């Protein structure tokens, strides 16, 4: 189970880092082509969401790999749950159930990591 958690953490980290980098480094028009919801948020809000995505991505793997404060891993998973939950709400309000479903998958995987790292497979 520990190996499964590491695989899930790594895949989630890659996804959160990639999306976070896109939100941080791309301009508004480039992002609007990929993320329609960007038009409803200010630039600083989109950049802040991207920074939070990146923090979740780093938090899912770095503390465990470096063995520096590994108890932060499940907390990063909880932060990811908050972000994915908020994303689901935004997508449902925009009548985008397919995109909301993707966030529900993220929610389930993040919940697995939080459960495993807070519980029986803590570092």
PDB file of N, CA and C in Angstrom:
ATOM      1  N   UNK A   1       0.822  -1.193   0.000  1.00  0.00           N
ATOM      2  CA  UNK A   1       0.000   0.000   0.000  1.00  0.00           C
ATOM      3  C   UNK A   1       0.869   1.262   0.000  1.00  0.00           C
ATOM      4  N   UNK A   2       2.008   1.181   0.674  1.00  0.00           N
ATOM      5  CA  UNK A   2       2.911   2.322   0.702  1.00  0.00           C
ATOM      6  C   UNK A   2       3.374   2.686  -0.713  1.00  0.00           C
ATOM      7  N   UNK A   3       3.660   1.670  -1.532  1.00  0.00           N
ATOM      8  CA  UNK A   3       4.089   1.928  -2.909  1.00  0.00           C
ATOM      9  C   UNK A   3       2.961   2.568  -3.707  1.00  0.00           C
ATOM     10  N   UNK A   4       1.739   2.067  -3.514  1.00  0.00           N
ATOM     11  CA  UNK A   4       0.590   2.664  -4.200  1.00  0.00           C
ATOM     12  C   UNK A   4       0.424   4.130  -3.819  1.00  0.00           C
ATOM     13  N   UNK A   5       0.575   4.429  -2.534  1.00  0.00           N
ATOM     14  CA  UNK A   5       0.468   5.818  -2.087  1.00  0.00           C
ATOM     15  C   UNK A   5       1.541   6.685  -2.742  1.00  0.00           C
ATOM     16  N   UNK A   6       2.759   6.181  -2.842  1.00  0.00           N
ATOM     17  CA  UNK A   6       3.827   6.949  -3.491  1.00  0.00           C
ATOM     18  C   UNK A   6       3.523   7.194  -4.963  1.00  0.00           C
ATOM     19  N   UNK A   7       2.991   6.194  -5.630  1.00  0.00           N
ATOM     20  CA  UNK A   7       2.643   6.355  -7.047  1.00  0.00           C
ATOM     21  C   UNK A   7       1.544   7.403  -7.197  1.00  0.00           C
ATOM     22  N   UNK A   8       0.514   7.297  -6.373  1.00  0.00           N
ATOM     23  CA  UNK A   8      -0.592   8.263  -6.442  1.00  0.00           C
ATOM     24  C   UNK A   8      -0.093   9.663  -6.103  1.00  0.00           C
ATOM     25  N   UNK A   9       0.716   9.780  -5.056  1.00  0.00           N
ATOM     26  CA  UNK A   9       1.267  11.081  -4.684  1.00  0.00           C
ATOM     27  C   UNK A   9       2.079  11.675  -5.836  1.00  0.00           C
ATOM     28  N   UNK A  10       2.895  10.871  -6.470  1.00  0.00           N
ATOM     29  CA  UNK A  10       3.744  11.352  -7.557  1.00  0.00           C
ATOM     30  C   UNK A  10       2.925  11.810  -8.755  1.00  0.00           C
ATOM     31  N   UNK A  11       1.917  11.030  -9.123  1.00  0.00           N
ATOM     32  CA  UNK A  11       1.069  11.419 -10.259  1.00  0.00           C
ATOM     33  C   UNK A  11       0.280  12.687  -9.952  1.00  0.00           C
ATOM     34  N   UNK A  12      -0.260  12.759  -8.747  1.00  0.00           N
ATOM     35  CA  UNK A  12      -0.984  13.973  -8.360  1.00  0.00           C
ATOM     36  C   UNK A  12      -0.049  15.181  -8.327  1.00  0.00           C
ATOM     37  N   UNK A  13       1.159  14.980  -7.808  1.00  0.00           N
ATOM     38  CA  UNK A  13       2.124  16.080  -7.754  1.00  0.00           C
ATOM     39  C   UNK A  13       2.442  16.578  -9.156  1.00  0.00           C
ATOM     40  N   UNK A  14       2.658  15.668 -10.086  1.00  0.00           N
ATOM     41  CA  UNK A  14       2.950  16.066 -11.466  1.00  0.00           C
ATOM     42  C   UNK A  14       1.784  16.848 -12.057  1.00  0.00           C
ATOM     43  N   UNK A  15       0.569  16.389 -11.810  1.00  0.00           N
ATOM     44  CA  UNK A  15      -0.610  17.086 -12.344  1.00  0.00           C
ATOM     45  C   UNK A  15      -0.751  18.475 -11.729  1.00  0.00           C
ATOM     46  N   UNK A  16      -0.637  18.569 -10.410  1.00  0.00           N
ATOM     47  CA  UNK A  16      -0.791  19.867  -9.747  1.00  0.00           C
ATOM     48  C   UNK A  16       0.327  20.825 -10.146  1.00  0.00           C
ATOM     49  N   UNK A  17       1.554  20.328 -10.273  1.00  0.00           N
ATOM     50  CA  UNK A  17       2.660  21.202 -10.678  1.00  0.00           C
ATOM     51  C   UNK A  17       2.488  21.696 -12.109  1.00  0.00           C
ATOM     52  N   UNK A  18       2.045  20.822 -13.001  1.00  0.00           N
ATOM     53  CA  UNK A  18       1.859  21.231 -14.395  1.00  0.00           C
ATOM     54  C   UNK A  18       0.758  22.276 -14.523  1.00  0.00           C
ATOM     55  N   UNK A  19      -0.360  22.035 -13.874  1.00  0.00           N
ATOM     56  CA  UNK A  19      -1.471  22.986 -13.951  1.00  0.00           C
ATOM     57  C   UNK A  19      -1.102  24.282 -13.234  1.00  0.00           C
ATOM     58  N   UNK A  20      -0.434  24.169 -12.108  1.00  0.00           N
ATOM     59  CA  UNK A  20      -0.017  25.368 -11.384  1.00  0.00           C
ATOM     60  C   UNK A  20       0.939  26.224 -12.200  1.00  0.00           C
ATOM     61  N   UNK A  21       1.895  25.578 -12.863  1.00  0.00           N
ATOM     62  CA  UNK A  21       2.846  26.324 -13.698  1.00  0.00           C
ATOM     63  C   UNK A  21       2.133  27.019 -14.849  1.00  0.00           C
ATOM     64  N   UNK A  22       1.161  26.340 -15.434  1.00  0.00           N
ATOM     65  CA  UNK A  22       0.404  26.973 -16.518  1.00  0.00           C
ATOM     66  C   UNK A  22      -0.302  28.230 -16.025  1.00  0.00           C
ATOM     67  N   UNK A  23      -0.928  28.138 -14.862  1.00  0.00           N
ATOM     68  CA  UNK A  23      -1.675  29.276 -14.327  1.00  0.00           C
ATOM     69  C   UNK A  23      -0.748  30.415 -13.921  1.00  0.00           C
ATOM     70  N   UNK A  24       0.444  30.084 -13.502  1.00  0.00           N
ATOM     71  CA  UNK A  24       1.387  31.118 -13.065  1.00  0.00           C
ATOM     72  C   UNK A  24       2.062  31.802 -14.256  1.00  0.00           C
ATOM     73  N   UNK A  25       2.499  31.016 -15.238  1.00  0.00           N
ATOM     74  CA  UNK A  25       3.366  31.557 -16.284  1.00  0.00           C
ATOM     75  C   UNK A  25       2.673  31.946 -17.583  1.00  0.00           C
ATOM     76  N   UNK A  26       1.476  31.481 -17.827  1.00  0.00           N
ATOM     77  CA  UNK A  26       0.792  31.861 -19.063  1.00  0.00           C
ATOM     78  C   UNK A  26      -0.041  33.113 -18.849  1.00  0.00           C
ATOM     79  N   UNK A  27      -0.222  33.868 -19.927  1.00  0.00           N
ATOM     80  CA  UNK A  27      -1.045  35.070 -19.804  1.00  0.00           C
ATOM     81  C   UNK A  27      -2.527  34.698 -19.896  1.00  0.00           C
ATOM     82  N   UNK A  28      -3.363  35.675 -19.661  1.00  0.00           N
ATOM     83  CA  UNK A  28      -4.803  35.461 -19.563  1.00  0.00           C
ATOM     84  C   UNK A  28      -5.410  34.871 -20.833  1.00  0.00           C
ATOM     85  N   UNK A  29      -5.019  35.368 -22.003  1.00  0.00           N
ATOM     86  CA  UNK A  29      -5.618  34.878 -23.251  1.00  0.00           C
ATOM     87  C   UNK A  29      -5.209  33.443 -23.531  1.00  0.00           C
ATOM     88  N   UNK A  30      -3.971  33.095 -23.231  1.00  0.00           N
ATOM     89  CA  UNK A  30      -3.534  31.713 -23.407  1.00  0.00           C
ATOM     90  C   UNK A  30      -4.284  30.777 -22.462  1.00  0.00           C
ATOM     91  N   UNK A  31      -4.472  31.232 -21.236  1.00  0.00           N
ATOM     92  CA  UNK A  31      -5.184  30.414 -20.262  1.00  0.00           C
ATOM     93  C   UNK A  31      -6.657  30.271 -20.614  1.00  0.00           C
ATOM     94  N   UNK A  32      -7.259  31.340 -21.123  1.00  0.00           N
ATOM     95  CA  UNK A  32      -8.688  31.304 -21.451  1.00  0.00           C
ATOM     96  C   UNK A  32      -8.988  30.266 -22.520  1.00  0.00           C
ATOM     97  N   UNK A  33      -8.022  29.986 -23.391  1.00  0.00           N
ATOM     98  CA  UNK A  33      -8.225  28.967 -24.420  1.00  0.00           C
ATOM     99  C   UNK A  33      -8.295  27.570 -23.794  1.00  0.00           C
ATOM    100  N   UNK A  34      -7.578  27.374 -22.688  1.00  0.00           N
ATOM    101  CA  UNK A  34      -7.556  26.077 -22.021  1.00  0.00           C
ATOM    102  C   UNK A  34      -8.575  26.002 -20.887  1.00  0.00           C
ATOM    103  N   UNK A  35      -8.618  27.063 -20.095  1.00  0.00           N
ATOM    104  CA  UNK A  35      -9.495  27.124 -18.926  1.00  0.00           C
ATOM    105  C   UNK A  35     -10.502  28.251 -19.124  1.00  0.00           C
ATOM    106  N   UNK A  36     -11.727  27.899 -19.474  1.00  0.00           N
ATOM    107  CA  UNK A  36     -12.753  28.915 -19.714  1.00  0.00           C
ATOM    108  C   UNK A  36     -13.107  29.720 -18.481  1.00  0.00           C
ATOM    109  N   UNK A  37     -12.957  29.136 -17.325  1.00  0.00           N
ATOM    110  CA  UNK A  37     -13.325  29.815 -16.084  1.00  0.00           C
ATOM    111  C   UNK A  37     -12.435  31.009 -15.772  1.00  0.00           C
ATOM    112  N   UNK A  38     -11.283  31.091 -16.405  1.00  0.00           N
ATOM    113  CA  UNK A  38     -10.325  32.166 -16.122  1.00  0.00           C
ATOM    114  C   UNK A  38     -10.960  33.541 -16.347  1.00  0.00           C
ATOM    115  N   UNK A  39     -11.865  33.632 -17.295  1.00  0.00           N
ATOM    116  CA  UNK A  39     -12.502  34.918 -17.611  1.00  0.00           C
ATOM    117  C   UNK A  39     -13.337  35.444 -16.450  1.00  0.00           C
ATOM    118  N   UNK A  40     -13.736  34.585 -15.539  1.00  0.00           N
ATOM    119  CA  UNK A  40     -14.568  34.990 -14.408  1.00  0.00           C
ATOM    120  C   UNK A  40     -13.741  35.376 -13.176  1.00  0.00           C
ATOM    121  N   UNK A  41     -12.425  35.260 -13.270  1.00  0.00           N
ATOM    122  CA  UNK A  41     -11.558  35.550 -12.137  1.00  0.00           C
ATOM    123  C   UNK A  41     -10.531  36.599 -12.537  1.00  0.00           C
ATOM    124  N   UNK A  42     -10.040  37.345 -11.555  1.00  0.00           N
ATOM    125  CA  UNK A  42      -9.011  38.351 -11.824  1.00  0.00           C
ATOM    126  C   UNK A  42      -7.667  37.660 -12.037  1.00  0.00           C
ATOM    127  N   UNK A  43      -6.750  38.384 -12.665  1.00  0.00           N
ATOM    128  CA  UNK A  43      -5.407  37.833 -12.879  1.00  0.00           C
ATOM    129  C   UNK A  43      -4.726  37.430 -11.571  1.00  0.00           C
ATOM    130  N   UNK A  44      -4.745  38.297 -10.541  1.00  0.00           N
ATOM    131  CA  UNK A  44      -4.102  37.885  -9.287  1.00  0.00           C
ATOM    132  C   UNK A  44      -4.746  36.629  -8.678  1.00  0.00           C
ATOM    133  N   UNK A  45      -6.050  36.473  -8.845  1.00  0.00           N
ATOM    134  CA  UNK A  45      -6.715  35.276  -8.316  1.00  0.00           C
ATOM    135  C   UNK A  45      -6.245  34.026  -9.040  1.00  0.00           C
ATOM    136  N   UNK A  46      -6.133  34.109 -10.357  1.00  0.00           N
ATOM    137  CA  UNK A  46      -5.677  32.955 -11.146  1.00  0.00           C
ATOM    138  C   UNK A  46      -4.240  32.609 -10.774  1.00  0.00           C
ATOM    139  N   UNK A  47      -3.397  33.621 -10.622  1.00  0.00           N
ATOM    140  CA  UNK A  47      -1.995  33.372 -10.241  1.00  0.00           C
ATOM    141  C   UNK A  47      -1.920  32.767  -8.838  1.00  0.00           C
ATOM    142  N   UNK A  48      -2.779  33.238  -7.924  1.00  0.00           N
ATOM    143  CA  UNK A  48      -2.787  32.693  -6.566  1.00  0.00           C
ATOM    144  C   UNK A  48      -3.236  31.234  -6.570  1.00  0.00           C
ATOM    145  N   UNK A  49      -4.249  30.916  -7.365  1.00  0.00           N
ATOM    146  CA  UNK A  49      -4.699  29.529  -7.478  1.00  0.00           C
ATOM    147  C   UNK A  49      -3.568  28.672  -8.047  1.00  0.00           C
ATOM    148  N   UNK A  50      -2.856  29.195  -9.032  1.00  0.00           N
ATOM    149  CA  UNK A  50      -1.712  28.473  -9.594  1.00  0.00           C
ATOM    150  C   UNK A  50      -0.623  28.241  -8.565  1.00  0.00           C
ATOM    151  N   UNK A  51      -0.360  29.247  -7.745  1.00  0.00           N
ATOM    152  CA  UNK A  51       0.653  29.091  -6.698  1.00  0.00           C
ATOM    153  C   UNK A  51       0.216  28.039  -5.677  1.00  0.00           C
ATOM    154  N   UNK A  52      -1.064  28.030  -5.333  1.00  0.00           N
ATOM    155  CA  UNK A  52      -1.560  27.012  -4.408  1.00  0.00           C
ATOM    156  C   UNK A  52      -1.481  25.616  -5.026  1.00  0.00           C
ATOM    157  N   UNK A  53      -1.799  25.513  -6.319  1.00  0.00           N
ATOM    158  CA  UNK A  53      -1.645  24.229  -7.021  1.00  0.00           C
ATOM    159  C   UNK A  53      -0.202  23.744  -6.927  1.00  0.00           C
ATOM    160  N   UNK A  54       0.742  24.649  -7.180  1.00  0.00           N
ATOM    161  CA  UNK A  54       2.161  24.276  -7.131  1.00  0.00           C
ATOM    162  C   UNK A  54       2.578  23.870  -5.715  1.00  0.00           C
ATOM    163  N   UNK A  55       2.085  24.587  -4.715  1.00  0.00           N
ATOM    164  CA  UNK A  55       2.410  24.224  -3.332  1.00  0.00           C
ATOM    165  C   UNK A  55       1.882  22.837  -2.985  1.00  0.00           C
ATOM    166  N   UNK A  56       0.685  22.524  -3.430  1.00  0.00           N
ATOM    167  CA  UNK A  56       0.145  21.182  -3.194  1.00  0.00           C
ATOM    168  C   UNK A  56       1.028  20.147  -3.890  1.00  0.00           C
ATOM    169  N   UNK A  57       1.402  20.432  -5.135  1.00  0.00           N
ATOM    170  CA  UNK A  57       2.258  19.502  -5.870  1.00  0.00           C
ATOM    171  C   UNK A  57       3.569  19.226  -5.154  1.00  0.00           C
ATOM    172  N   UNK A  58       4.226  20.295  -4.715  1.00  0.00           N
ATOM    173  CA  UNK A  58       5.481  20.113  -3.985  1.00  0.00           C
ATOM    174  C   UNK A  58       5.240  19.419  -2.647  1.00  0.00           C
ATOM    175  N   UNK A  59       4.157  19.804  -1.970  1.00  0.00           N
ATOM    176  CA  UNK A  59       3.871  19.259  -0.649  1.00  0.00           C
ATOM    177  C   UNK A  59       3.526  17.783  -0.639  1.00  0.00           C
ATOM    178  N   UNK A  60       3.063  17.276  -1.768  1.00  0.00           N
ATOM    179  CA  UNK A  60       2.720  15.860  -1.830  1.00  0.00           C
ATOM    180  C   UNK A  60       3.944  14.951  -1.882  1.00  0.00           C
ATOM    181  N   UNK A  61       5.086  15.477  -2.337  1.00  0.00           N
ATOM    182  CA  UNK A  61       6.256  14.600  -2.474  1.00  0.00           C
ATOM    183  C   UNK A  61       7.497  15.067  -1.713  1.00  0.00           C
ATOM    184  N   UNK A  62       7.788  16.352  -1.731  1.00  0.00           N
ATOM    185  CA  UNK A  62       9.060  16.808  -1.143  1.00  0.00           C
ATOM    186  C   UNK A  62       9.244  16.466   0.331  1.00  0.00           C
ATOM    187  N   UNK A  63       8.254  16.683   1.182  1.00  0.00           N
ATOM    188  CA  UNK A  63       8.489  16.330   2.594  1.00  0.00           C
ATOM    189  C   UNK A  63       8.793  14.847   2.803  1.00  0.00           C
ATOM    190  N   UNK A  64       8.144  13.998   2.046  1.00  0.00           N
ATOM    191  CA  UNK A  64       8.398  12.567   2.185  1.00  0.00           C
ATOM    192  C   UNK A  64       9.735  12.146   1.615  1.00  0.00           C
ATOM    193  N   UNK A  65      10.117  12.735   0.488  1.00  0.00           N
ATOM    194  CA  UNK A  65      11.382  12.379  -0.159  1.00  0.00           C
ATOM    195  C   UNK A  65      12.569  12.859   0.663  1.00  0.00           C
ATOM    196  N   UNK A  66      12.486  14.083   1.168  1.00  0.00           N
ATOM    197  CA  UNK A  66      13.608  14.655   1.907  1.00  0.00           C
ATOM    198  C   UNK A  66      13.600  14.265   3.383  1.00  0.00           C
ATOM    199  N   UNK A  67      12.496  13.689   3.837  1.00  0.00           N
ATOM    200  CA  UNK A  67      12.307  13.347   5.250  1.00  0.00           C
ATOM    201  C   UNK A  67      12.405  14.577   6.151  1.00  0.00           C
ATOM    202  N   UNK A  68      12.033  15.720   5.593  1.00  0.00           N
ATOM    203  CA  UNK A  68      11.952  16.955   6.371  1.00  0.00           C
ATOM    204  C   UNK A  68      10.473  17.271   6.537  1.00  0.00           C
ATOM    205  N   UNK A  69       9.977  17.137   7.734  1.00  0.00           N
ATOM    206  CA  UNK A  69       8.572  17.369   8.062  1.00  0.00           C
ATOM    207  C   UNK A  69       7.631  16.548   7.184  1.00  0.00           C
ATOM    208  N   UNK A  70       7.806  15.238   7.132  1.00  0.00           N
ATOM    209  CA  UNK A  70       6.944  14.417   6.278  1.00  0.00           C
ATOM    210  C   UNK A  70       5.475  14.438   6.681  1.00  0.00           C
ATOM    211  N   UNK A  71       5.196  14.902   7.881  1.00  0.00           N
ATOM    212  CA  UNK A  71       3.792  14.999   8.295  1.00  0.00           C
ATOM    213  C   UNK A  71       3.033  16.057   7.486  1.00  0.00           C
ATOM    214  N   UNK A  72       3.749  16.843   6.690  1.00  0.00           N
ATOM    215  CA  UNK A  72       3.087  17.832   5.842  1.00  0.00           C
ATOM    216  C   UNK A  72       2.409  17.209   4.623  1.00  0.00           C
ATOM    217  N   UNK A  73       2.784  15.982   4.272  1.00  0.00           N
ATOM    218  CA  UNK A  73       2.211  15.337   3.075  1.00  0.00           C
ATOM    219  C   UNK A  73       0.689  15.221   3.175  1.00  0.00           C
ATOM    220  N   UNK A  74       0.133  14.659   4.259  1.00  0.00           N
ATOM    221  CA  UNK A  74      -1.325  14.568   4.300  1.00  0.00           C
ATOM    222  C   UNK A  74      -1.995  15.935   4.374  1.00  0.00           C
ATOM    223  N   UNK A  75      -1.313  16.909   4.955  1.00  0.00           N
ATOM    224  CA  UNK A  75      -1.878  18.262   4.994  1.00  0.00           C
ATOM    225  C   UNK A  75      -1.915  18.860   3.593  1.00  0.00           C
ATOM    226  N   UNK A  76      -0.903  18.574   2.795  1.00  0.00           N
ATOM    227  CA  UNK A  76      -0.920  19.019   1.396  1.00  0.00           C
ATOM    228  C   UNK A  76      -2.077  18.354   0.649  1.00  0.00           C
ATOM    229  N   UNK A  77      -2.327  17.086   0.957  1.00  0.00           N
ATOM    230  CA  UNK A  77      -3.461  16.391   0.335  1.00  0.00           C
ATOM    231  C   UNK A  77      -4.778  17.065   0.716  1.00  0.00           C
ATOM    232  N   UNK A  78      -4.902  17.483   1.963  1.00  0.00           N
ATOM    233  CA  UNK A  78      -6.116  18.200   2.371  1.00  0.00           C
ATOM    234  C   UNK A  78      -6.236  19.538   1.644  1.00  0.00           C
ATOM    235  N   UNK A  79      -5.116  20.217   1.454  1.00  0.00           N
ATOM    236  CA  UNK A  79      -5.144  21.458   0.674  1.00  0.00           C
ATOM    237  C   UNK A  79      -5.574  21.200  -0.761  1.00  0.00           C
ATOM    238  N   UNK A  80      -5.104  20.100  -1.328  1.00  0.00           N
ATOM    239  CA  UNK A  80      -5.524  19.725  -2.672  1.00  0.00           C
ATOM    240  C   UNK A  80      -7.003  19.409  -2.731  1.00  0.00           C
ATOM    241  N   UNK A  81      -7.525  18.788  -1.671  1.00  0.00           N
ATOM    242  CA  UNK A  81      -8.960  18.506  -1.608  1.00  0.00           C
ATOM    243  C   UNK A  81      -9.750  19.812  -1.630  1.00  0.00           C
ATOM    244  N   UNK A  82      -9.274  20.800  -0.889  1.00  0.00           N
ATOM    245  CA  UNK A  82      -9.959  22.104  -0.888  1.00  0.00           C
ATOM    246  C   UNK A  82      -9.936  22.732  -2.281  1.00  0.00           C
ATOM    247  N   UNK A  83      -8.787  22.682  -2.955  1.00  0.00           N
ATOM    248  CA  UNK A  83      -8.688  23.253  -4.306  1.00  0.00           C
ATOM    249  C   UNK A  83      -9.561  22.508  -5.303  1.00  0.00           C
ATOM    250  N   UNK A  84      -9.505  21.181  -5.276  1.00  0.00           N
ATOM    251  CA  UNK A  84     -10.303  20.390  -6.217  1.00  0.00           C
ATOM    252  C   UNK A  84     -11.794  20.539  -5.920  1.00  0.00           C
ATOM    253  N   UNK A  85     -12.142  20.632  -4.659  1.00  0.00           N
ATOM    254  CA  UNK A  85     -13.550  20.854  -4.300  1.00  0.00           C
ATOM    255  C   UNK A  85     -14.055  22.194  -4.813  1.00  0.00           C
ATOM    256  N   UNK A  86     -13.235  23.224  -4.644  1.00  0.00           N
ATOM    257  CA  UNK A  86     -13.598  24.535  -5.184  1.00  0.00           C
ATOM    258  C   UNK A  86     -13.695  24.514  -6.696  1.00  0.00           C
ATOM    259  N   UNK A  87     -12.785  23.793  -7.337  1.00  0.00           N
ATOM    260  CA  UNK A  87     -12.830  23.667  -8.790  1.00  0.00           C
ATOM    261  C   UNK A  87     -14.093  22.961  -9.255  1.00  0.00           C
ATOM    262  N   UNK A  88     -14.521  21.941  -8.510  1.00  0.00           N
ATOM    263  CA  UNK A  88     -15.751  21.241  -8.860  1.00  0.00           C
ATOM    264  C   UNK A  88     -16.953  22.172  -8.788  1.00  0.00           C
ATOM    265  N   UNK A  89     -16.985  23.000  -7.761  1.00  0.00           N
ATOM    266  CA  UNK A  89     -18.091  23.949  -7.619  1.00  0.00           C
ATOM    267  C   UNK A  89     -18.114  24.921  -8.795  1.00  0.00           C
ATOM    268  N   UNK A  90     -16.956  25.448  -9.162  1.00  0.00           N
ATOM    269  CA  UNK A  90     -16.880  26.378 -10.290  1.00  0.00           C
ATOM    270  C   UNK A  90     -17.355  25.695 -11.571  1.00  0.00           C
ATOM    271  N   UNK A  91     -16.906  24.484 -11.808  1.00  0.00           N
ATOM    272  CA  UNK A  91     -17.300  23.781 -13.034  1.00  0.00           C
ATOM    273  C   UNK A  91     -18.791  23.453 -13.039  1.00  0.00           C
ATOM    274  N   UNK A  92     -19.346  23.087 -11.899  1.00  0.00           N
ATOM    275  CA  UNK A  92     -20.781  22.805 -11.853  1.00  0.00           C
ATOM    276  C   UNK A  92     -21.596  24.072 -12.082  1.00  0.00           C
ATOM    277  N   UNK A  93     -21.142  25.194 -11.543  1.00  0.00           N
ATOM    278  CA  UNK A  93     -21.842  26.464 -11.781  1.00  0.00           C
ATOM    279  C   UNK A  93     -21.776  26.881 -13.244  1.00  0.00           C
ATOM    280  N   UNK A  94     -20.713  26.467 -13.934  1.00  0.00           N
ATOM    281  CA  UNK A  94     -20.565  26.791 -15.353  1.00  0.00           C
ATOM    282  C   UNK A  94     -21.175  25.707 -16.252  1.00  0.00           C
ATOM    283  N   UNK A  95     -21.895  24.775 -15.663  1.00  0.00           N
ATOM    284  CA  UNK A  95     -22.525  23.668 -16.393  1.00  0.00           C
ATOM    285  C   UNK A  95     -21.489  22.853 -17.175  1.00  0.00           C
ATOM    286  N   UNK A  96     -20.408  22.495 -16.484  1.00  0.00           N
ATOM    287  CA  UNK A  96     -19.342  21.676 -17.062  1.00  0.00           C
ATOM    288  C   UNK A  96     -19.178  20.401 -16.229  1.00  0.00           C
ATOM    289  N   UNK A  97     -20.159  19.491 -16.306  1.00  0.00           N
ATOM    290  CA  UNK A  97     -20.099  18.307 -15.432  1.00  0.00           C
ATOM    291  C   UNK A  97     -18.913  17.383 -15.715  1.00  0.00           C
ATOM    292  N   UNK A  98     -18.426  17.349 -16.964  1.00  0.00           N
ATOM    293  CA  UNK A  98     -17.287  16.484 -17.263  1.00  0.00           C
ATOM    294  C   UNK A  98     -16.033  16.965 -16.520  1.00  0.00           C
ATOM    295  N   UNK A  99     -15.832  18.282 -16.507  1.00  0.00           N
ATOM    296  CA  UNK A  99     -14.665  18.828 -15.806  1.00  0.00           C
ATOM    297  C   UNK A  99     -14.819  18.694 -14.298  1.00  0.00           C
ATOM    298  N   UNK A 100     -16.047  18.811 -13.808  1.00  0.00           N
ATOM    299  CA  UNK A 100     -16.288  18.598 -12.381  1.00  0.00           C
ATOM    300  C   UNK A 100     -15.982  17.152 -12.016  1.00  0.00           C
ATOM    301  N   UNK A 101     -16.283  16.221 -12.911  1.00  0.00           N
ATOM    302  CA  UNK A 101     -16.007  14.804 -12.654  1.00  0.00           C
ATOM    303  C   UNK A 101     -14.509  14.547 -12.546  1.00  0.00           C
ATOM    304  N   UNK A 102     -13.724  15.250 -13.355  1.00  0.00           N
ATOM    305  CA  UNK A 102     -12.260  15.108 -13.254  1.00  0.00           C
ATOM    306  C   UNK A 102     -11.795  15.537 -11.865  1.00  0.00           C
ATOM    307  N   UNK A 103     -12.358  16.627 -11.371  1.00  0.00           N
ATOM    308  CA  UNK A 103     -11.994  17.079 -10.027  1.00  0.00           C
ATOM    309  C   UNK A 103     -12.440  16.079  -8.963  1.00  0.00           C
ATOM    310  N   UNK A 104     -13.538  15.386  -9.190  1.00  0.00           N
ATOM    311  CA  UNK A 104     -13.984  14.370  -8.233  1.00  0.00           C
ATOM    312  C   UNK A 104     -12.972  13.215  -8.186  1.00  0.00           C
ATOM    313  N   UNK A 105     -12.392  12.870  -9.319  1.00  0.00           N
ATOM    314  CA  UNK A 105     -11.334  11.847  -9.333  1.00  0.00           C
ATOM    315  C   UNK A 105     -10.142  12.333  -8.516  1.00  0.00           C
ATOM    316  N   UNK A 106      -9.755  13.596  -8.722  1.00  0.00           N
ATOM    317  CA  UNK A 106      -8.674  14.164  -7.907  1.00  0.00           C
ATOM    318  C   UNK A 106      -9.031  14.101  -6.423  1.00  0.00           C
ATOM    319  N   UNK A 107     -10.268  14.447  -6.104  1.00  0.00           N
ATOM    320  CA  UNK A 107     -10.711  14.411  -4.704  1.00  0.00           C
ATOM    321  C   UNK A 107     -10.545  13.013  -4.106  1.00  0.00           C
ATOM    322  N   UNK A 108     -10.948  12.009  -4.854  1.00  0.00           N
ATOM    323  CA  UNK A 108     -10.849  10.636  -4.357  1.00  0.00           C
ATOM    324  C   UNK A 108      -9.388  10.229  -4.141  1.00  0.00           C
ATOM    325  N   UNK A 109      -8.532  10.561  -5.089  1.00  0.00           N
ATOM    326  CA  UNK A 109      -7.114  10.202  -4.953  1.00  0.00           C
ATOM    327  C   UNK A 109      -6.449  10.967  -3.811  1.00  0.00           C
ATOM    328  N   UNK A 110      -6.784  12.235  -3.680  1.00  0.00           N
ATOM    329  CA  UNK A 110      -6.232  13.031  -2.578  1.00  0.00           C
ATOM    330  C   UNK A 110      -6.739  12.523  -1.232  1.00  0.00           C
ATOM    331  N   UNK A 111      -7.998  12.111  -1.179  1.00  0.00           N
ATOM    332  CA  UNK A 111      -8.540  11.545   0.060  1.00  0.00           C
ATOM    333  C   UNK A 111      -7.815  10.253   0.417  1.00  0.00           C
ATOM    334  N   UNK A 112      -7.481   9.443  -0.583  1.00  0.00           N
ATOM    335  CA  UNK A 112      -6.718   8.224  -0.344  1.00  0.00           C
ATOM    336  C   UNK A 112      -5.358   8.557   0.263  1.00  0.00           C
ATOM    337  N   UNK A 113      -4.685   9.554  -0.294  1.00  0.00           N
ATOM    338  CA  UNK A 113      -3.375   9.958   0.232  1.00  0.00           C
ATOM    339  C   UNK A 113      -3.513  10.488   1.661  1.00  0.00           C
ATOM    340  N   UNK A 114      -4.493  11.347   1.895  1.00  0.00           N
ATOM    341  CA  UNK A 114      -4.686  11.897   3.244  1.00  0.00           C
ATOM    342  C   UNK A 114      -4.974  10.780   4.241  1.00  0.00           C
ATOM    343  N   UNK A 115      -5.865   9.863   3.876  1.00  0.00           N
ATOM    344  CA  UNK A 115      -6.190   8.743   4.766  1.00  0.00           C
ATOM    345  C   UNK A 115      -4.947   7.899   5.043  1.00  0.00           C
ATOM    346  N   UNK A 116      -4.229   7.547   3.992  1.00  0.00           N
ATOM    347  CA  UNK A 116      -3.065   6.685   4.159  1.00  0.00           C
ATOM    348  C   UNK A 116      -1.948   7.335   4.952  1.00  0.00           C
ATOM    349  N   UNK A 117      -1.688   8.607   4.687  1.00  0.00           N
ATOM    350  CA  UNK A 117      -0.555   9.271   5.351  1.00  0.00           C
ATOM    351  C   UNK A 117      -0.896   9.789   6.741  1.00  0.00           C
ATOM    352  N   UNK A 118      -2.170  10.064   7.014  1.00  0.00           N
ATOM    353  CA  UNK A 118      -2.558  10.386   8.387  1.00  0.00           C
ATOM    354  C   UNK A 118      -2.693   9.117   9.218  1.00  0.00           C
ATOM    355  N   UNK A 119      -3.061   8.014   8.566  1.00  0.00           N
ATOM    356  CA  UNK A 119      -3.402   6.796   9.271  1.00  0.00           C
ATOM    357  C   UNK A 119      -2.340   5.725   9.245  1.00  0.00           C
ATOM    358  N   UNK A 120      -2.683   4.577   8.680  1.00  0.00           N
ATOM    359  CA  UNK A 120      -1.822   3.395   8.840  1.00  0.00           C
ATOM    360  C   UNK A 120      -0.497   3.447   8.083  1.00  0.00           C
ATOM    361  N   UNK A 121      -0.365   4.330   7.126  1.00  0.00           N
ATOM    362  CA  UNK A 121       0.869   4.379   6.333  1.00  0.00           C
ATOM    363  C   UNK A 121       1.578   5.715   6.492  1.00  0.00           C
ATOM    364  N   UNK A 122       1.482   6.282   7.692  1.00  0.00           N
ATOM    365  CA  UNK A 122       2.160   7.547   7.983  1.00  0.00           C
ATOM    366  C   UNK A 122       3.667   7.348   7.931  1.00  0.00           C
ATOM    367  N   UNK A 123       4.367   8.434   7.680  1.00  0.00           N
ATOM    368  CA  UNK A 123       5.821   8.363   7.627  1.00  0.00           C
ATOM    369  C   UNK A 123       6.409   8.198   9.002  1.00  0.00           C
TER     370      UNK A 123
END
